[in-house]
C-alpha cells in the first residue's frame, strides 16, 4: 500500500495551523497529530492557531518518534505542524508514505525571515514527492496585500527564533524588500 503526501506551506500568519485543524476534522479519528517540542508558544500538548483554535497533539523532538506513538499501526493519517523544525523529516516522511502507506500532511514555513530555506528539516526537499502542494498567504501587515514572506522585527540573526507577533510580521514582497522593519 502506498500513501499520500500533501504540503501546506507559507509564511507566518498565512493560516497553516488553521488548515491543520480543519484537516483534522476531515480525517476524523484516524489520525496522529504532532508538533516539534521546541514550539512552546502556547501549550505543550496542543496546537493552537493565532485565533486560539486548538487541537490536541504529541510534542516530539524527532519525527521518527511517531512510530512509537499509541495506535500508530491503526492510524491512517499523520499531521505534522511546524514541519520545518524536524531534522529527520525527509527520511521519515518518505518511509511513512512509501513503506507504511500513511497519508501525511505537512504544515510549515517555506522560508525563514530572510526568505531562505531552513537549513535543518528538508521540508522543501519533499516537494518532488508531494501529491499536492498548497502555498498559503496571509495579509501584509503594512498594506493588506497577500503576504508571502515573514519579516523579523527584532534584532536577532539566528535562523530559528520561535515566536509570534512580538517577533514577526507577515509582509508582501514589496514591503519585505522596502520596509524599514528590522
C-alpha atoms as a PDB file:
ATOM      1  CA  UNK A   1       0.000   0.000   0.000  1.00  0.00           C
ATOM      2  CA  UNK A   2       1.353   3.421  -0.978  1.00  0.00           C
ATOM      3  CA  UNK A   3       0.413   6.550   0.941  1.00  0.00           C
ATOM      4  CA  UNK A   4      -0.094  10.182   0.078  1.00  0.00           C
ATOM      5  CA  UNK A   5       1.802  13.403   0.816  1.00  0.00           C
ATOM      6  CA  UNK A   6       0.296  16.890   0.974  1.00  0.00           C
ATOM      7  CA  UNK A   7       2.320  20.003   1.798  1.00  0.00           C
ATOM      8  CA  UNK A   8       0.853  23.234   3.158  1.00  0.00           C
ATOM      9  CA  UNK A   9       3.452  25.990   3.157  1.00  0.00           C
ATOM     10  CA  UNK A  10       3.699  29.700   3.557  1.00  0.00           C
ATOM     11  CA  UNK A  11       4.892  32.486   5.837  1.00  0.00           C
ATOM     12  CA  UNK A  12       3.847  33.241   9.391  1.00  0.00           C
ATOM     13  CA  UNK A  13       0.164  34.187   9.723  1.00  0.00           C
ATOM     14  CA  UNK A  14      -0.879  32.506   6.477  1.00  0.00           C
ATOM     15  CA  UNK A  15      -3.361  30.122   8.113  1.00  0.00           C
ATOM     16  CA  UNK A  16      -1.272  26.935   8.125  1.00  0.00           C
ATOM     17  CA  UNK A  17      -2.368  25.913  11.613  1.00  0.00           C
ATOM     18  CA  UNK A  18      -5.995  26.705  10.830  1.00  0.00           C
ATOM     19  CA  UNK A  19      -5.694  24.423   7.776  1.00  0.00           C
ATOM     20  CA  UNK A  20      -4.221  21.712  10.020  1.00  0.00           C
ATOM     21  CA  UNK A  21      -7.149  21.969  12.441  1.00  0.00           C
ATOM     22  CA  UNK A  22      -9.633  21.861   9.527  1.00  0.00           C
ATOM     23  CA  UNK A  23      -7.836  18.837   8.040  1.00  0.00           C
ATOM     24  CA  UNK A  24      -8.115  17.076  11.407  1.00  0.00           C
ATOM     25  CA  UNK A  25     -11.898  17.428  11.213  1.00  0.00           C
ATOM     26  CA  UNK A  26     -11.863  15.924   7.715  1.00  0.00           C
ATOM     27  CA  UNK A  27      -9.810  12.831   8.661  1.00  0.00           C
ATOM     28  CA  UNK A  28     -11.847  12.222  11.849  1.00  0.00           C
ATOM     29  CA  UNK A  29     -10.286   9.934  14.457  1.00  0.00           C
ATOM     30  CA  UNK A  30      -7.851   8.046  12.237  1.00  0.00           C
ATOM     31  CA  UNK A  31      -5.006  10.467  12.858  1.00  0.00           C
ATOM     32  CA  UNK A  32      -1.871  11.249  14.783  1.00  0.00           C
ATOM     33  CA  UNK A  33      -1.090  14.948  15.198  1.00  0.00           C
ATOM     34  CA  UNK A  34       2.417  16.060  16.135  1.00  0.00           C
ATOM     35  CA  UNK A  35       4.434  19.232  16.527  1.00  0.00           C
ATOM     36  CA  UNK A  36       8.076  19.884  17.326  1.00  0.00           C
ATOM     37  CA  UNK A  37       8.861  20.107  21.019  1.00  0.00           C
ATOM     38  CA  UNK A  38      10.618  23.452  20.513  1.00  0.00           C
ATOM     39  CA  UNK A  39       7.278  25.121  19.726  1.00  0.00           C
ATOM     40  CA  UNK A  40       6.337  26.298  23.208  1.00  0.00           C
ATOM     41  CA  UNK A  41       4.447  29.441  22.175  1.00  0.00           C
ATOM     42  CA  UNK A  42       1.117  28.246  23.553  1.00  0.00           C
ATOM     43  CA  UNK A  43       0.653  24.810  25.104  1.00  0.00           C
ATOM     44  CA  UNK A  44       2.879  21.719  25.073  1.00  0.00           C
ATOM     45  CA  UNK A  45       0.254  19.159  24.022  1.00  0.00           C
ATOM     46  CA  UNK A  46      -1.946  21.368  21.872  1.00  0.00           C
ATOM     47  CA  UNK A  47      -1.538  23.003  18.513  1.00  0.00           C
ATOM     48  CA  UNK A  48      -3.015  26.479  18.799  1.00  0.00           C
ATOM     49  CA  UNK A  49      -3.792  28.825  15.916  1.00  0.00           C
ATOM     50  CA  UNK A  50      -3.255  32.573  16.219  1.00  0.00           C
ATOM     51  CA  UNK A  51      -7.027  32.965  16.652  1.00  0.00           C
ATOM     52  CA  UNK A  52      -6.951  30.498  19.594  1.00  0.00           C
ATOM     53  CA  UNK A  53      -8.485  27.429  17.954  1.00  0.00           C
ATOM     54  CA  UNK A  54      -6.697  24.326  19.174  1.00  0.00           C
ATOM     55  CA  UNK A  55      -6.337  20.591  18.827  1.00  0.00           C
ATOM     56  CA  UNK A  56      -4.516  18.021  20.935  1.00  0.00           C
ATOM     57  CA  UNK A  57      -1.172  16.721  19.731  1.00  0.00           C
ATOM     58  CA  UNK A  58       2.011  14.937  20.684  1.00  0.00           C
ATOM     59  CA  UNK A  59       5.115  17.120  21.147  1.00  0.00           C
ATOM     60  CA  UNK A  60       8.191  15.286  19.894  1.00  0.00           C
ATOM     61  CA  UNK A  61      11.857  16.083  19.163  1.00  0.00           C
ATOM     62  CA  UNK A  62      12.335  13.841  16.141  1.00  0.00           C
ATOM     63  CA  UNK A  63       9.746  12.705  13.645  1.00  0.00           C
ATOM     64  CA  UNK A  64      10.838   9.079  13.968  1.00  0.00           C
ATOM     65  CA  UNK A  65       9.208   9.154  17.428  1.00  0.00           C
ATOM     66  CA  UNK A  66       5.867   8.967  15.579  1.00  0.00           C
ATOM     67  CA  UNK A  67       6.429   5.214  15.082  1.00  0.00           C
ATOM     68  CA  UNK A  68       6.276   4.749  18.875  1.00  0.00           C
ATOM     69  CA  UNK A  69       3.098   6.760  19.481  1.00  0.00           C
ATOM     70  CA  UNK A  70      -0.091   4.993  20.653  1.00  0.00           C
ATOM     71  CA  UNK A  71      -2.035   3.234  17.882  1.00  0.00           C
ATOM     72  CA  UNK A  72       0.479   4.175  15.172  1.00  0.00           C
ATOM     73  CA  UNK A  73      -0.300   0.969  13.241  1.00  0.00           C
ATOM     74  CA  UNK A  74      -4.046   1.667  13.174  1.00  0.00           C
ATOM     75  CA  UNK A  75      -3.918   5.363  12.231  1.00  0.00           C
ATOM     76  CA  UNK A  76      -4.074   6.270   8.537  1.00  0.00           C
ATOM     77  CA  UNK A  77      -3.174   9.964   8.752  1.00  0.00           C
ATOM     78  CA  UNK A  78      -0.144  11.755  10.177  1.00  0.00           C
ATOM     79  CA  UNK A  79      -0.394  15.553  10.514  1.00  0.00           C
ATOM     80  CA  UNK A  80       2.780  17.497  11.304  1.00  0.00           C
ATOM     81  CA  UNK A  81       2.784  21.134  12.417  1.00  0.00           C
ATOM     82  CA  UNK A  82       5.951  23.264  12.099  1.00  0.00           C
ATOM     83  CA  UNK A  83       7.411  20.585   9.831  1.00  0.00           C
ATOM     84  CA  UNK A  84      10.482  22.697   9.026  1.00  0.00           C
ATOM     85  CA  UNK A  85      11.871  22.038  12.533  1.00  0.00           C
ATOM     86  CA  UNK A  86      12.217  18.250  12.185  1.00  0.00           C
ATOM     87  CA  UNK A  87      15.774  17.351  11.174  1.00  0.00           C
ATOM     88  CA  UNK A  88      14.736  13.825  10.156  1.00  0.00           C
ATOM     89  CA  UNK A  89      11.694  14.978   8.184  1.00  0.00           C
ATOM     90  CA  UNK A  90      12.790  13.868   4.717  1.00  0.00           C
ATOM     91  CA  UNK A  91      13.683  10.252   5.545  1.00  0.00           C
ATOM     92  CA  UNK A  92      10.791   9.616   7.912  1.00  0.00           C
ATOM     93  CA  UNK A  93       8.104  11.168   5.686  1.00  0.00           C
ATOM     94  CA  UNK A  94       9.227   9.148   2.661  1.00  0.00           C
ATOM     95  CA  UNK A  95       9.134   5.982   4.776  1.00  0.00           C
ATOM     96  CA  UNK A  96       5.686   6.813   6.182  1.00  0.00           C
ATOM     97  CA  UNK A  97       4.283   7.427   2.701  1.00  0.00           C
ATOM     98  CA  UNK A  98       6.142   4.857   0.588  1.00  0.00           C
ATOM     99  CA  UNK A  99       6.514   1.942   3.023  1.00  0.00           C
ATOM    100  CA  UNK A 100       3.859   2.399   5.716  1.00  0.00           C
ATOM    101  CA  UNK A 101       1.083   3.606   3.404  1.00  0.00           C
ATOM    102  CA  UNK A 102       0.263   6.644   5.564  1.00  0.00           C
ATOM    103  CA  UNK A 103      -1.365   9.848   4.370  1.00  0.00           C
ATOM    104  CA  UNK A 104       0.995  12.559   5.590  1.00  0.00           C
ATOM    105  CA  UNK A 105       0.023  16.221   5.826  1.00  0.00           C
ATOM    106  CA  UNK A 106       2.881  18.639   6.477  1.00  0.00           C
ATOM    107  CA  UNK A 107       2.357  22.237   7.574  1.00  0.00           C
ATOM    108  CA  UNK A 108       5.366  24.509   7.679  1.00  0.00           C
ATOM    109  CA  UNK A 109       7.265  27.613   6.748  1.00  0.00           C
ATOM    110  CA  UNK A 110       8.701  27.623   3.252  1.00  0.00           C
ATOM    111  CA  UNK A 111      11.349  30.173   4.209  1.00  0.00           C
ATOM    112  CA  UNK A 112      12.942  31.986   7.104  1.00  0.00           C
ATOM    113  CA  UNK A 113      12.877  35.726   7.882  1.00  0.00           C
ATOM    114  CA  UNK A 114      15.454  36.313   5.137  1.00  0.00           C
ATOM    115  CA  UNK A 115      13.440  34.397   2.551  1.00  0.00           C
ATOM    116  CA  UNK A 116      15.896  31.482   2.684  1.00  0.00           C
ATOM    117  CA  UNK A 117      15.087  27.762   3.102  1.00  0.00           C
ATOM    118  CA  UNK A 118      15.586  26.359   6.585  1.00  0.00           C
ATOM    119  CA  UNK A 119      18.940  24.639   6.985  1.00  0.00           C
ATOM    120  CA  UNK A 120      17.523  21.772   9.006  1.00  0.00           C
ATOM    121  CA  UNK A 121      14.388  19.841   8.249  1.00  0.00           C
ATOM    122  CA  UNK A 122      14.493  19.436   4.463  1.00  0.00           C
ATOM    123  CA  UNK A 123      10.833  20.468   4.158  1.00  0.00           C
ATOM    124  CA  UNK A 124      11.341  21.861   0.646  1.00  0.00           C
ATOM    125  CA  UNK A 125      13.203  18.721  -0.500  1.00  0.00           C
ATOM    126  CA  UNK A 126       9.889  16.873  -0.229  1.00  0.00           C
ATOM    127  CA  UNK A 127       8.242  18.954  -2.981  1.00  0.00           C
ATOM    128  CA  UNK A 128       9.077  16.446  -5.764  1.00  0.00           C
ATOM    129  CA  UNK A 129       7.388  13.664  -3.771  1.00  0.00           C
ATOM    130  CA  UNK A 130       4.233  15.600  -2.860  1.00  0.00           C
ATOM    131  CA  UNK A 131       0.900  14.558  -4.334  1.00  0.00           C
ATOM    132  CA  UNK A 132      -0.400  18.046  -3.613  1.00  0.00           C
ATOM    133  CA  UNK A 133       1.094  21.381  -2.548  1.00  0.00           C
ATOM    134  CA  UNK A 134      -0.751  24.420  -1.279  1.00  0.00           C
ATOM    135  CA  UNK A 135       1.062  27.741  -0.884  1.00  0.00           C
ATOM    136  CA  UNK A 136      -0.822  29.880   1.611  1.00  0.00           C
ATOM    137  CA  UNK A 137      -0.645  33.640   2.092  1.00  0.00           C
ATOM    138  CA  UNK A 138      -1.955  35.968   4.749  1.00  0.00           C
ATOM    139  CA  UNK A 139      -2.309  39.744   4.609  1.00  0.00           C
ATOM    140  CA  UNK A 140       0.606  42.137   4.645  1.00  0.00           C
ATOM    141  CA  UNK A 141       0.915  43.890   7.975  1.00  0.00           C
ATOM    142  CA  UNK A 142       1.578  47.185   6.200  1.00  0.00           C
ATOM    143  CA  UNK A 143      -0.725  47.245   3.157  1.00  0.00           C
ATOM    144  CA  UNK A 144      -3.197  44.320   3.195  1.00  0.00           C
ATOM    145  CA  UNK A 145      -1.775  42.752   0.001  1.00  0.00           C
ATOM    146  CA  UNK A 146      -1.114  38.996   0.184  1.00  0.00           C
ATOM    147  CA  UNK A 147       1.803  38.254   2.483  1.00  0.00           C
ATOM    148  CA  UNK A 148       4.214  35.731   1.050  1.00  0.00           C
ATOM    149  CA  UNK A 149       7.102  36.299   3.477  1.00  0.00           C
ATOM    150  CA  UNK A 150       7.749  36.726   7.195  1.00  0.00           C
ATOM    151  CA  UNK A 151       9.701  39.759   8.376  1.00  0.00           C
ATOM    152  CA  UNK A 152      11.503  39.638  11.729  1.00  0.00           C
ATOM    153  CA  UNK A 153      11.001  42.797  13.765  1.00  0.00           C
ATOM    154  CA  UNK A 154      13.596  42.146  16.465  1.00  0.00           C
ATOM    155  CA  UNK A 155      17.349  42.167  16.095  1.00  0.00           C
ATOM    156  CA  UNK A 156      18.471  38.531  16.079  1.00  0.00           C
ATOM    157  CA  UNK A 157      20.299  36.859  13.206  1.00  0.00           C
ATOM    158  CA  UNK A 158      19.747  33.224  14.243  1.00  0.00           C
ATOM    159  CA  UNK A 159      17.774  31.319  11.652  1.00  0.00           C
ATOM    160  CA  UNK A 160      15.394  29.773  14.183  1.00  0.00           C
ATOM    161  CA  UNK A 161      13.703  32.064  16.666  1.00  0.00           C
ATOM    162  CA  UNK A 162      10.339  30.701  17.771  1.00  0.00           C
ATOM    163  CA  UNK A 163       7.807  33.457  18.380  1.00  0.00           C
ATOM    164  CA  UNK A 164       4.687  35.268  17.343  1.00  0.00           C
ATOM    165  CA  UNK A 165       3.582  38.816  16.591  1.00  0.00           C
ATOM    166  CA  UNK A 166       6.154  40.161  19.033  1.00  0.00           C
ATOM    167  CA  UNK A 167       8.911  38.877  16.724  1.00  0.00           C
ATOM    168  CA  UNK A 168       7.444  38.505  13.198  1.00  0.00           C
ATOM    169  CA  UNK A 169       5.105  40.321  10.849  1.00  0.00           C
ATOM    170  CA  UNK A 170       3.621  38.986   7.601  1.00  0.00           C
ATOM    171  CA  UNK A 171       4.635  41.095   4.592  1.00  0.00           C
ATOM    172  CA  UNK A 172       4.121  41.244   0.830  1.00  0.00           C
ATOM    173  CA  UNK A 173       7.137  41.145  -1.480  1.00  0.00           C
ATOM    174  CA  UNK A 174       7.268  44.955  -1.756  1.00  0.00           C
ATOM    175  CA  UNK A 175       7.376  45.525   1.995  1.00  0.00           C
ATOM    176  CA  UNK A 176       9.799  42.656   2.529  1.00  0.00           C
ATOM    177  CA  UNK A 177      12.223  44.422   0.204  1.00  0.00           C
ATOM    178  CA  UNK A 178      11.426  48.054   1.042  1.00  0.00           C
ATOM    179  CA  UNK A 179      10.110  48.458   4.586  1.00  0.00           C
ATOM    180  CA  UNK A 180      12.116  49.829   7.467  1.00  0.00           C
ATOM    181  CA  UNK A 181      11.040  46.967   9.731  1.00  0.00           C
ATOM    182  CA  UNK A 182      14.266  45.486  11.042  1.00  0.00           C
END
